[in-house]
Structures are given as structure tokens and as C-alpha cells.
Amino acid sequence: MQLSRPISRLCLAIGCLGLLGLIMNARQADSLRANEALQDKADKQSEQSTKQKEEKPEEKPEEKPEEKADKAEKAEKADKAEKNGRETVERHVYMRVTRDEQNKPLALQTAIVHFVSARGKRRGATVDLVGAVHVGDDAYYRTLNEKFAEYDVVLYELVAPEGTRIPKGGREGGGGGVIGGLQNGMKSVLGLSHQLNKIDYTAKNLVHADMTPEEFAKAMDDRGESWLQMYFRTLGYSMATQASGAGGSGGDLSLLIALFSGDRERQLKIILAQQFEQSEGMIGALEGPEGSAIITARNGKAFEILQREIKQGHKRIAVFYGAGHLHDMEQRLIRDFDLKRSSDSWVDAWNLAPGK
């Protein structure tokens, strides 16, 4: 189909105008892009110049020798403070076996470590860490009862419900179940008494400072611990110690000889005492890098009570806990309570000397 000539010319004119419009728009767009490029270049140059000015270090006057020395001293103090924050307190002994000149055992002893402070809100307050073995000679517990009467407060360990009061002389039969059986076994085989039967927990100044069973179970669960896990850790440590000969008890042969000895009680106590002397390493095996519920978490609860008792104005305080707890407690007293180790004394827990 052919269009008439006037219509054809009109279409051609419209097409030419459209083409011309496209060309003009393209040129305008090119011009705008060129202008934007020039502006971007100018902005980048300006930014670079500003950045160079900002990065250019200011010329500082040279430090005087005394200023350099002062700065070095401050840096050294900061390094020491950081290092002290990371370092642990020197590990002391809280249970030991004393021996005569022939190196024969005389007694198993536990420590009483005295801590003092002369500054801050706790000025004048003293704290004694009193190590315990949970089975011992009657004379050992008589001595502790006498010493406890000298304190304003004695904080003691016992995983038990809040408000638990142990009657004087303990419970009949020393308690039931496995623990009661072990206590009775200790009495009959070693001729020892249990702490719960001999310490006077009815004294007004004795304060429960330990977890409830529910708190302890939760602490173990939070740490992913179990009694089976602790058993295998202890077993592994004992096997390694026995293999290295570090236990000092002579192994299975010494135990067999002691069982058939005419002096069986004393010989068995000597073997166990030497094992207790090595117990610091076993506590380390139980603890692990993040501590444990049985030591670290319970100590934390005990020291919450200690903080409370100090705030209430008590000046002479004892913390009566198993000897295995005391290294961590000493760290806490120095780090968190601004106390310092002043002195120590020792109490005979087991008489290991021949004859009585």
C-alpha cells in the first residue's frame, strides 16, 4: 500500500525531528557526564588533599629525658599490674606429714593460715583459713572446737538445705547410705572419728557457708560436670602418680602388708596420710582450666557469705573448709579482699607415731 506524497513528507519530517531530538539529548547527556566527571575529579583531588593534611603528623617537640623516664616508669608499672592480675598466688601447702630424723611419719597436720589487712573498709579485719580433714583423731576436733570459740564467726562447709542445724554429737549412726557407711568404716578400720560427730555446730558463732544440694547440682550441670567424670579424672591422676612413684605409699604391696600388720590402724593411716599429702595435684586434676563446681563454685558461695559477715562488722573470722579448697580461697582473699598472708600454724589431725 502506497501513502500519498504529502503524508509521506510529513512522516519523513517527524522522523527527522525525532532523530534530531535523540541526537540533541545524547549530546546533552554527554555534556552532563563530562561535567560530572570533571566535578568528581575535582572532588577527589580536594578529598585527597584534605586526607593528606589530616594524615600528616604534627611535629611534636622532642621529649625531655625526664619525661621519657617518667613515661617508661608508668609503662613498666602498667605491665606489672597486668601481669599480677594474670598470675596466680604461690601455691602453699595446707596439709602435710611431719617426720622424725629417720624420716618416719609422726603426724598428719592441717594448716591455719592467718590473713590481715590495714586499709580500706576491711581495716582491722582478719580472716583465718582453717584446713580440715573430714575424719580425724578426737584430739584434733577438740583442739578445733577450742580455737573456734575465739572467733566472732566461723564459716563452715556442708552441702545442705538452708537452715540445716547439725545437733551436738552429730546424727545417730553418722548418717545413712554410702556416706554413713564410709564414716563407720573409717571409725572401725582406722580408729578415727568423723567431723560431723565431733565439731560443735550448735555454737552460735558457727555459720553455714555452702551451697544447697539444688545449687550444687545446678553448678555441676552448668559446667557440664558429673560425678563419673570426676571419678575418672581422679582415677587417672592416681594411676599416673602410682606409675611415677610420687605417691610415696609403696603401692599395693605396702597396703597388703598394712592390712595384715599387728599395727594395722597406724600403718593404714600412714599410707592414707601420704596420699593426702599428694592431694594438691589431685585437686588440680579435678579443677581443670575453668575450675569446678566442687571447689570453685562452692568457694564462691562461701565468700559471698564472708563478704556479708565483714559488712556486718565482724572483725575476726575463720573459714573452716577442706584443705583442698584453701589455695583457691587464698587467691580470692588476696585478689578480691585486699588481704595479705601474715602467718600460719599447724594442728595434728592424725597421730602417726608408734605407741600412744
Foldseek 3Di string as FASTA:
>chain_A
DDDDPVVVVVVVVVVVVVVVVVVVVVVVVVVVVVVVVVVVVVVVVVVVVVVVVVPPDDDDDDDDPVVVVVVVVVVVVVVVVVVVVPDADDDDAQWDFDADPVRHTFFIKGKWFKKADCDDLLHLFIEIETADDFKFALVQLVVVQVVCVVFQAEEEEDQADPPDAAAAQGDPQNDDDPVSVVQVVCCVQQVIHGNSRRHHRVDPRYDYQFHHPVVLVVQCVVVVHDPVVLVVLLVVVVVVCVVVVVLVLPPPVQLVCLCPDPVNNLSVVVSVSSNVSVCLVSLVSNQPPPGGSVAPVGLVRNVVVVVVVVVVPTRYYYYYYHSNNVSVVQRCCVPPVVIDTDDMDMTGGYGNDPDD
